[in-house]
Amino acid sequence: MHSAPSVSYPVGRSRVGHAILWVIWAAGAGCTVGWCYQNEGNGARWALVLGAAIVASLALAWALRPRTPRALHWDGAFWSLSGARPMGMAVAAVALDLQGTLLLRLQEAGRAAQWLWLDRAAAPERWNALRRAVYCRAPAPQDAGLPTDVGAVPAPRTPDLPA
């Protein structure tokens, strides 16, 4: 089986991704306002709920902060990401697929995962190649040049059960 061909795709701001984050934040803010309206003024509870709303607002501001453009690369076996915190030999998993927008989880061994919003509008001519690469299976050991001699590893022994 052949792997998807190599592809490079720009990673930048995603209008759809930002809109989804805003909608989630607005729903949480609406629930907070509704809760505050229905509950009496207990200082400790109000402080906790309003503190959580402030933390959610700071998280939204952090997620929407300006970032330098980066590039996501597929070499046929692994993913890599350029930028301030580059990644190499990473594995990508699709978390959300909206056909024209993808939310990817990029994970490299020993590092925290990075979440990337990818939009078709960033490079429409490479969108289909990116989708093929994201959904392709990992290459088989013989395709990756790894040894395939299974005779060298003894098979696990199963214990004899009394009849």
N, C-alpha and C. Protein backbone atom coordinates (compact mmCIF):
# COMPACT_ATOMS: atom_id res chain seq x y z
N MET A 1 0.84 -1.18 0.00
CA MET A 1 0.00 0.00 0.00
C MET A 1 0.88 1.24 0.00
N HIS A 2 0.50 2.23 -0.75
CA HIS A 2 1.27 3.46 -0.85
C HIS A 2 0.73 4.50 0.12
N SER A 3 1.64 5.30 0.63
CA SER A 3 1.27 6.39 1.52
C SER A 3 0.85 7.59 0.67
N ALA A 4 0.18 8.54 1.30
CA ALA A 4 -0.19 9.76 0.59
C ALA A 4 1.06 10.53 0.24
N PRO A 5 1.08 11.25 -0.89
CA PRO A 5 2.27 12.01 -1.27
C PRO A 5 2.54 13.14 -0.30
N SER A 6 3.77 13.60 -0.28
CA SER A 6 4.13 14.68 0.64
C SER A 6 3.37 15.95 0.29
N VAL A 7 3.11 16.73 1.32
CA VAL A 7 2.36 17.97 1.14
C VAL A 7 2.80 18.96 2.21
N SER A 8 2.75 20.23 1.88
CA SER A 8 3.02 21.31 2.82
C SER A 8 1.81 22.22 2.82
N TYR A 9 1.35 22.61 4.01
CA TYR A 9 0.13 23.41 4.08
C TYR A 9 0.32 24.55 5.09
N PRO A 10 -0.09 25.77 4.74
CA PRO A 10 0.06 26.89 5.67
C PRO A 10 -0.92 26.80 6.84
N VAL A 11 -0.43 27.15 8.01
CA VAL A 11 -1.26 27.18 9.22
C VAL A 11 -1.31 28.63 9.68
N GLY A 12 -2.49 29.17 9.73
CA GLY A 12 -2.66 30.56 10.14
C GLY A 12 -3.96 30.74 10.89
N ARG A 13 -4.53 31.91 10.78
CA ARG A 13 -5.79 32.20 11.45
C ARG A 13 -6.94 31.49 10.73
N SER A 14 -7.88 30.98 11.51
CA SER A 14 -9.03 30.28 10.96
C SER A 14 -10.29 31.02 11.39
N ARG A 15 -10.99 31.57 10.43
CA ARG A 15 -12.24 32.27 10.76
C ARG A 15 -13.28 31.32 11.34
N VAL A 16 -13.39 30.13 10.79
CA VAL A 16 -14.36 29.16 11.30
C VAL A 16 -13.98 28.72 12.70
N GLY A 17 -12.70 28.44 12.92
CA GLY A 17 -12.24 28.05 14.25
C GLY A 17 -12.49 29.13 15.28
N HIS A 18 -12.20 30.37 14.91
CA HIS A 18 -12.45 31.48 15.84
C HIS A 18 -13.94 31.66 16.11
N ALA A 19 -14.75 31.50 15.09
CA ALA A 19 -16.20 31.62 15.28
C ALA A 19 -16.71 30.55 16.24
N ILE A 20 -16.21 29.33 16.11
CA ILE A 20 -16.63 28.25 17.01
C ILE A 20 -16.23 28.57 18.45
N LEU A 21 -15.00 29.07 18.64
CA LEU A 21 -14.57 29.43 20.00
C LEU A 21 -15.41 30.55 20.58
N TRP A 22 -15.76 31.55 19.75
CA TRP A 22 -16.61 32.64 20.22
C TRP A 22 -18.00 32.14 20.62
N VAL A 23 -18.56 31.23 19.83
CA VAL A 23 -19.89 30.70 20.14
C VAL A 23 -19.86 29.92 21.46
N ILE A 24 -18.83 29.12 21.66
CA ILE A 24 -18.71 28.37 22.92
C ILE A 24 -18.56 29.33 24.10
N TRP A 25 -17.73 30.37 23.93
CA TRP A 25 -17.56 31.34 25.01
C TRP A 25 -18.87 32.08 25.29
N ALA A 26 -19.58 32.49 24.24
CA ALA A 26 -20.85 33.21 24.42
C ALA A 26 -21.89 32.34 25.11
N ALA A 27 -21.93 31.06 24.79
CA ALA A 27 -22.86 30.16 25.47
C ALA A 27 -22.52 30.05 26.95
N GLY A 28 -21.24 29.94 27.26
CA GLY A 28 -20.82 29.89 28.66
C GLY A 28 -21.12 31.19 29.39
N ALA A 29 -20.89 32.32 28.72
CA ALA A 29 -21.18 33.61 29.34
C ALA A 29 -22.68 33.77 29.57
N GLY A 30 -23.50 33.31 28.61
CA GLY A 30 -24.95 33.38 28.79
C GLY A 30 -25.41 32.51 29.94
N CYS A 31 -24.83 31.32 30.08
CA CYS A 31 -25.19 30.46 31.22
C CYS A 31 -24.77 31.11 32.53
N THR A 32 -23.62 31.77 32.54
CA THR A 32 -23.15 32.44 33.76
C THR A 32 -24.10 33.57 34.14
N VAL A 33 -24.50 34.37 33.18
CA VAL A 33 -25.44 35.47 33.45
C VAL A 33 -26.78 34.92 33.94
N GLY A 34 -27.27 33.87 33.29
CA GLY A 34 -28.53 33.25 33.73
C GLY A 34 -28.44 32.70 35.13
N TRP A 35 -27.32 32.06 35.46
CA TRP A 35 -27.14 31.52 36.81
C TRP A 35 -27.10 32.64 37.84
N CYS A 36 -26.37 33.71 37.53
CA CYS A 36 -26.28 34.84 38.46
C CYS A 36 -27.65 35.49 38.66
N TYR A 37 -28.47 35.54 37.62
CA TYR A 37 -29.79 36.13 37.70
C TYR A 37 -30.72 35.30 38.58
N GLN A 38 -30.61 33.97 38.50
CA GLN A 38 -31.52 33.09 39.22
C GLN A 38 -31.10 32.81 40.67
N ASN A 39 -29.85 33.02 41.00
CA ASN A 39 -29.37 32.69 42.34
C ASN A 39 -29.18 33.93 43.17
N GLU A 40 -29.37 33.74 44.46
CA GLU A 40 -29.22 34.85 45.39
C GLU A 40 -27.75 35.21 45.53
N GLY A 41 -27.51 36.35 46.06
CA GLY A 41 -26.15 36.87 46.17
C GLY A 41 -25.31 36.24 47.25
N ASN A 42 -24.94 34.99 47.11
CA ASN A 42 -24.00 34.33 48.00
C ASN A 42 -22.60 34.66 47.51
N GLY A 43 -21.83 35.38 48.29
CA GLY A 43 -20.54 35.90 47.86
C GLY A 43 -19.56 34.85 47.36
N ALA A 44 -19.45 33.73 48.07
CA ALA A 44 -18.46 32.71 47.69
C ALA A 44 -18.83 32.05 46.36
N ARG A 45 -20.09 31.71 46.18
CA ARG A 45 -20.51 31.08 44.93
C ARG A 45 -20.38 32.04 43.75
N TRP A 46 -20.80 33.28 43.96
CA TRP A 46 -20.69 34.27 42.89
C TRP A 46 -19.23 34.48 42.49
N ALA A 47 -18.37 34.57 43.49
CA ALA A 47 -16.95 34.78 43.20
C ALA A 47 -16.40 33.60 42.41
N LEU A 48 -16.80 32.39 42.75
CA LEU A 48 -16.32 31.21 42.04
C LEU A 48 -16.81 31.20 40.59
N VAL A 49 -18.10 31.49 40.39
CA VAL A 49 -18.66 31.48 39.03
C VAL A 49 -18.06 32.61 38.19
N LEU A 50 -17.95 33.79 38.76
CA LEU A 50 -17.37 34.90 38.01
C LEU A 50 -15.88 34.68 37.75
N GLY A 51 -15.19 34.05 38.68
CA GLY A 51 -13.78 33.69 38.47
C GLY A 51 -13.62 32.72 37.32
N ALA A 52 -14.53 31.73 37.26
CA ALA A 52 -14.49 30.78 36.14
C ALA A 52 -14.77 31.49 34.82
N ALA A 53 -15.69 32.46 34.82
CA ALA A 53 -15.98 33.21 33.60
C ALA A 53 -14.76 34.04 33.18
N ILE A 54 -14.05 34.60 34.13
CA ILE A 54 -12.85 35.37 33.80
C ILE A 54 -11.76 34.46 33.24
N VAL A 55 -11.59 33.28 33.83
CA VAL A 55 -10.60 32.32 33.32
C VAL A 55 -10.97 31.89 31.90
N ALA A 56 -12.25 31.65 31.64
CA ALA A 56 -12.69 31.28 30.29
C ALA A 56 -12.42 32.43 29.31
N SER A 57 -12.62 33.66 29.74
CA SER A 57 -12.34 34.81 28.88
C SER A 57 -10.85 34.93 28.58
N LEU A 58 -10.02 34.69 29.57
CA LEU A 58 -8.57 34.72 29.35
C LEU A 58 -8.13 33.60 28.42
N ALA A 59 -8.74 32.42 28.56
CA ALA A 59 -8.42 31.30 27.67
C ALA A 59 -8.81 31.63 26.23
N LEU A 60 -9.95 32.28 26.05
CA LEU A 60 -10.37 32.69 24.71
C LEU A 60 -9.38 33.70 24.13
N ALA A 61 -8.98 34.68 24.94
CA ALA A 61 -8.02 35.67 24.46
C ALA A 61 -6.70 35.01 24.09
N TRP A 62 -6.27 34.02 24.87
CA TRP A 62 -5.02 33.31 24.56
C TRP A 62 -5.15 32.53 23.26
N ALA A 63 -6.30 31.88 23.05
CA ALA A 63 -6.50 31.08 21.84
C ALA A 63 -6.59 31.96 20.59
N LEU A 64 -7.06 33.18 20.74
CA LEU A 64 -7.25 34.06 19.59
C LEU A 64 -6.10 35.04 19.39
N ARG A 65 -5.04 34.91 20.17
CA ARG A 65 -3.92 35.84 20.06
C ARG A 65 -3.27 35.72 18.68
N PRO A 66 -2.67 36.80 18.19
CA PRO A 66 -2.01 36.74 16.88
C PRO A 66 -0.82 35.78 16.92
N ARG A 67 -0.65 35.02 15.88
CA ARG A 67 0.46 34.08 15.77
C ARG A 67 1.16 34.28 14.45
N THR A 68 2.41 33.93 14.44
CA THR A 68 3.15 33.99 13.18
C THR A 68 2.70 32.84 12.29
N PRO A 69 2.67 33.05 11.00
CA PRO A 69 2.29 31.95 10.10
C PRO A 69 3.28 30.80 10.21
N ARG A 70 2.76 29.60 10.15
CA ARG A 70 3.57 28.38 10.22
C ARG A 70 3.21 27.50 9.04
N ALA A 71 3.97 26.44 8.87
CA ALA A 71 3.69 25.48 7.79
C ALA A 71 3.69 24.08 8.37
N LEU A 72 2.70 23.31 7.96
CA LEU A 72 2.57 21.91 8.35
C LEU A 72 3.06 21.07 7.18
N HIS A 73 3.96 20.12 7.45
CA HIS A 73 4.56 19.31 6.38
C HIS A 73 4.28 17.82 6.64
N TRP A 74 3.92 17.10 5.59
CA TRP A 74 3.78 15.65 5.62
C TRP A 74 4.83 15.10 4.67
N ASP A 75 5.70 14.22 5.15
CA ASP A 75 6.78 13.68 4.30
C ASP A 75 6.50 12.26 3.82
N GLY A 76 5.31 11.76 4.09
CA GLY A 76 4.96 10.41 3.70
C GLY A 76 4.96 9.44 4.86
N ALA A 77 5.58 9.83 5.97
CA ALA A 77 5.62 8.97 7.16
C ALA A 77 5.27 9.73 8.42
N PHE A 78 5.74 10.98 8.55
CA PHE A 78 5.51 11.77 9.75
C PHE A 78 5.14 13.20 9.39
N TRP A 79 4.56 13.88 10.36
CA TRP A 79 4.20 15.29 10.24
C TRP A 79 5.27 16.12 10.92
N SER A 80 5.47 17.33 10.43
CA SER A 80 6.34 18.31 11.09
C SER A 80 5.67 19.67 10.98
N LEU A 81 6.05 20.55 11.90
CA LEU A 81 5.46 21.88 11.96
C LEU A 81 6.57 22.88 12.15
N SER A 82 6.60 23.90 11.31
CA SER A 82 7.59 24.96 11.45
C SER A 82 7.04 26.03 12.39
N GLY A 83 7.90 26.94 12.82
CA GLY A 83 7.45 28.04 13.66
C GLY A 83 8.33 28.19 14.88
N ALA A 84 7.81 28.94 15.87
CA ALA A 84 8.57 29.22 17.08
C ALA A 84 8.84 27.95 17.88
N ARG A 85 7.88 27.04 17.92
CA ARG A 85 8.06 25.75 18.60
C ARG A 85 7.92 24.65 17.56
N PRO A 86 8.96 24.43 16.76
CA PRO A 86 8.83 23.45 15.68
C PRO A 86 8.66 22.03 16.23
N MET A 87 8.01 21.21 15.43
CA MET A 87 7.81 19.81 15.76
C MET A 87 8.28 18.98 14.57
N GLY A 88 8.82 17.81 14.85
CA GLY A 88 9.22 16.88 13.82
C GLY A 88 8.84 15.48 14.25
N MET A 89 8.62 14.61 13.31
CA MET A 89 8.23 13.23 13.59
C MET A 89 6.99 13.16 14.47
N ALA A 90 6.00 13.95 14.14
CA ALA A 90 4.76 14.00 14.90
C ALA A 90 3.68 13.17 14.21
N VAL A 91 2.64 12.87 14.96
CA VAL A 91 1.49 12.13 14.45
C VAL A 91 0.29 13.07 14.53
N ALA A 92 -0.52 13.09 13.47
CA ALA A 92 -1.69 13.96 13.42
C ALA A 92 -2.96 13.12 13.53
N ALA A 93 -3.93 13.66 14.25
CA ALA A 93 -5.24 13.02 14.38
C ALA A 93 -6.31 14.09 14.17
N VAL A 94 -7.32 13.76 13.41
CA VAL A 94 -8.42 14.70 13.14
C VAL A 94 -9.36 14.69 14.33
N ALA A 95 -9.59 15.87 14.91
CA ALA A 95 -10.52 16.00 16.02
C ALA A 95 -11.88 16.48 15.53
N LEU A 96 -11.89 17.31 14.49
CA LEU A 96 -13.14 17.85 13.94
C LEU A 96 -12.94 18.08 12.45
N ASP A 97 -13.86 17.56 11.65
CA ASP A 97 -13.79 17.71 10.21
C ASP A 97 -15.08 18.34 9.71
N LEU A 98 -14.97 19.58 9.25
CA LEU A 98 -16.13 20.30 8.72
C LEU A 98 -16.03 20.46 7.20
N GLN A 99 -15.30 19.57 6.55
CA GLN A 99 -15.06 19.54 5.11
C GLN A 99 -14.18 20.69 4.64
N GLY A 100 -14.47 21.91 5.00
CA GLY A 100 -13.65 23.06 4.60
C GLY A 100 -12.74 23.54 5.70
N THR A 101 -12.87 22.95 6.88
CA THR A 101 -12.06 23.31 8.04
C THR A 101 -11.75 22.04 8.81
N LEU A 102 -10.50 21.91 9.24
CA LEU A 102 -10.07 20.76 10.05
C LEU A 102 -9.49 21.25 11.36
N LEU A 103 -9.80 20.53 12.43
CA LEU A 103 -9.12 20.73 13.70
C LEU A 103 -8.24 19.51 13.89
N LEU A 104 -6.92 19.72 13.90
CA LEU A 104 -5.95 18.64 14.02
C LEU A 104 -5.27 18.68 15.37
N ARG A 105 -5.00 17.49 15.89
CA ARG A 105 -4.20 17.34 17.10
C ARG A 105 -2.86 16.77 16.65
N LEU A 106 -1.80 17.56 16.81
CA LEU A 106 -0.47 17.15 16.40
C LEU A 106 0.31 16.77 17.64
N GLN A 107 0.80 15.52 17.68
CA GLN A 107 1.47 14.99 18.87
C GLN A 107 2.84 14.45 18.50
N GLU A 108 3.85 14.92 19.21
CA GLU A 108 5.20 14.40 19.07
C GLU A 108 5.57 13.73 20.38
N ALA A 109 6.29 12.62 20.31
CA ALA A 109 6.65 11.87 21.52
C ALA A 109 7.37 12.77 22.52
N GLY A 110 6.90 12.73 23.76
CA GLY A 110 7.55 13.48 24.82
C GLY A 110 7.20 14.96 24.88
N ARG A 111 6.26 15.42 24.07
CA ARG A 111 5.89 16.84 24.07
C ARG A 111 4.38 16.99 24.18
N ALA A 112 3.98 18.16 24.57
CA ALA A 112 2.55 18.45 24.64
C ALA A 112 1.99 18.55 23.23
N ALA A 113 0.74 18.15 23.09
CA ALA A 113 0.08 18.20 21.78
C ALA A 113 -0.19 19.65 21.38
N GLN A 114 -0.21 19.89 20.09
CA GLN A 114 -0.59 21.19 19.56
C GLN A 114 -1.86 21.00 18.74
N TRP A 115 -2.79 21.93 18.91
CA TRP A 115 -4.06 21.90 18.19
C TRP A 115 -3.98 22.93 17.08
N LEU A 116 -4.32 22.50 15.88
CA LEU A 116 -4.23 23.38 14.71
C LEU A 116 -5.56 23.44 13.98
N TRP A 117 -6.00 24.66 13.64
CA TRP A 117 -7.16 24.87 12.78
C TRP A 117 -6.62 25.07 11.37
N LEU A 118 -7.10 24.29 10.43
CA LEU A 118 -6.69 24.41 9.03
C LEU A 118 -7.91 24.73 8.19
N ASP A 119 -7.80 25.74 7.33
CA ASP A 119 -8.90 26.16 6.47
C ASP A 119 -8.56 25.92 5.01
N ARG A 120 -9.55 25.53 4.24
CA ARG A 120 -9.38 25.34 2.80
C ARG A 120 -8.94 26.63 2.14
N ALA A 121 -9.41 27.77 2.62
CA ALA A 121 -9.10 29.06 1.99
C ALA A 121 -7.61 29.40 2.05
N ALA A 122 -6.85 28.78 2.95
CA ALA A 122 -5.42 29.09 3.06
C ALA A 122 -4.65 28.63 1.82
N ALA A 123 -5.01 27.49 1.26
CA ALA A 123 -4.35 26.97 0.06
C ALA A 123 -5.29 25.99 -0.62
N PRO A 124 -6.30 26.49 -1.34
CA PRO A 124 -7.31 25.60 -1.92
C PRO A 124 -6.74 24.55 -2.87
N GLU A 125 -5.64 24.88 -3.54
CA GLU A 125 -5.06 23.93 -4.50
C GLU A 125 -4.40 22.73 -3.81
N ARG A 126 -4.07 22.85 -2.52
CA ARG A 126 -3.44 21.75 -1.78
C ARG A 126 -4.36 21.11 -0.76
N TRP A 127 -5.62 21.57 -0.68
CA TRP A 127 -6.55 21.08 0.33
C TRP A 127 -6.81 19.58 0.22
N ASN A 128 -7.07 19.10 -0.98
CA ASN A 128 -7.35 17.67 -1.15
C ASN A 128 -6.13 16.81 -0.83
N ALA A 129 -4.96 17.28 -1.19
CA ALA A 129 -3.74 16.54 -0.85
C ALA A 129 -3.55 16.48 0.67
N LEU A 130 -3.84 17.58 1.35
CA LEU A 130 -3.75 17.60 2.82
C LEU A 130 -4.73 16.61 3.42
N ARG A 131 -5.96 16.60 2.95
CA ARG A 131 -6.97 15.68 3.49
C ARG A 131 -6.57 14.22 3.25
N ARG A 132 -6.01 13.93 2.08
CA ARG A 132 -5.54 12.56 1.83
C ARG A 132 -4.44 12.18 2.81
N ALA A 133 -3.52 13.09 3.06
CA ALA A 133 -2.42 12.81 3.98
C ALA A 133 -2.91 12.63 5.41
N VAL A 134 -3.87 13.44 5.82
CA VAL A 134 -4.39 13.36 7.19
C VAL A 134 -5.10 12.04 7.43
N TYR A 135 -5.82 11.56 6.43
CA TYR A 135 -6.61 10.34 6.60
C TYR A 135 -5.90 9.07 6.16
N CYS A 136 -4.67 9.17 5.65
CA CYS A 136 -3.99 7.95 5.22
C CYS A 136 -3.48 7.18 6.44
N ARG A 137 -3.38 5.87 6.27
CA ARG A 137 -2.84 5.04 7.35
C ARG A 137 -1.33 5.20 7.40
N ALA A 138 -0.76 4.87 8.57
CA ALA A 138 0.69 4.90 8.70
C ALA A 138 1.29 3.87 7.76
N PRO A 139 2.48 4.12 7.23
CA PRO A 139 3.08 3.16 6.32
C PRO A 139 3.37 1.84 7.01
N ALA A 140 3.28 0.76 6.26
CA ALA A 140 3.59 -0.57 6.78
C ALA A 140 5.08 -0.65 7.08
N PRO A 141 5.51 -1.54 7.98
CA PRO A 141 6.94 -1.62 8.33
C PRO A 141 7.83 -1.85 7.11
N GLN A 142 7.40 -2.68 6.16
CA GLN A 142 8.24 -2.91 5.00
C GLN A 142 8.34 -1.66 4.13
N ASP A 143 7.30 -0.82 4.11
CA ASP A 143 7.35 0.42 3.34
C ASP A 143 8.25 1.45 4.00
N ALA A 144 8.33 1.41 5.34
CA ALA A 144 9.13 2.37 6.07
C ALA A 144 10.59 1.93 6.20
N GLY A 145 10.92 0.73 5.69
CA GLY A 145 12.28 0.25 5.76
C GLY A 145 12.61 -0.43 7.08
N LEU A 146 11.61 -0.79 7.87
CA LEU A 146 11.84 -1.46 9.14
C LEU A 146 11.90 -2.96 8.92
N PRO A 147 12.61 -3.69 9.80
CA PRO A 147 12.68 -5.15 9.63
C PRO A 147 11.31 -5.78 9.81
N THR A 148 11.04 -6.79 8.99
CA THR A 148 9.75 -7.46 9.06
C THR A 148 9.88 -8.92 9.42
N ASP A 149 11.06 -9.36 9.88
CA ASP A 149 11.30 -10.75 10.23
C ASP A 149 10.62 -11.07 11.55
N VAL A 150 9.46 -11.70 11.48
CA VAL A 150 8.74 -12.04 12.71
C VAL A 150 9.25 -13.33 13.32
N GLY A 151 10.08 -14.09 12.59
CA GLY A 151 10.62 -15.33 13.12
C GLY A 151 11.64 -15.08 14.21
N ALA A 152 12.23 -13.88 14.28
CA ALA A 152 13.23 -13.58 15.29
C ALA A 152 12.62 -13.38 16.67
N VAL A 153 11.36 -13.07 16.74
CA VAL A 153 10.69 -12.84 18.03
C VAL A 153 9.88 -14.08 18.36
N PRO A 154 10.16 -14.73 19.52
CA PRO A 154 9.38 -15.92 19.86
C PRO A 154 7.94 -15.55 20.18
N ALA A 155 7.05 -16.46 19.81
CA ALA A 155 5.63 -16.24 20.08
C ALA A 155 5.38 -16.39 21.58
N PRO A 156 4.46 -15.61 22.14
CA PRO A 156 4.17 -15.73 23.57
C PRO A 156 3.60 -17.11 23.88
N ARG A 157 4.02 -17.65 25.02
CA ARG A 157 3.58 -18.96 25.42
C ARG A 157 2.31 -18.85 26.25
N THR A 158 1.34 -19.64 25.93
CA THR A 158 0.09 -19.64 26.69
C THR A 158 0.18 -20.72 27.75
N PRO A 159 -0.29 -20.41 28.96
CA PRO A 159 -0.21 -21.42 30.03
C PRO A 159 -1.17 -22.57 29.75
N ASP A 160 -0.76 -23.76 30.17
CA ASP A 160 -1.61 -24.94 30.03
C ASP A 160 -2.68 -24.90 31.11
N LEU A 161 -3.91 -24.99 30.69
CA LEU A 161 -5.02 -24.96 31.64
C LEU A 161 -5.43 -26.39 31.96
N PRO A 162 -5.74 -26.66 33.24
CA PRO A 162 -6.19 -28.02 33.60
C PRO A 162 -7.55 -28.30 32.97
N ALA A 163 -7.74 -29.54 32.58
CA ALA A 163 -9.00 -29.93 31.92
C ALA A 163 -10.05 -30.29 32.91
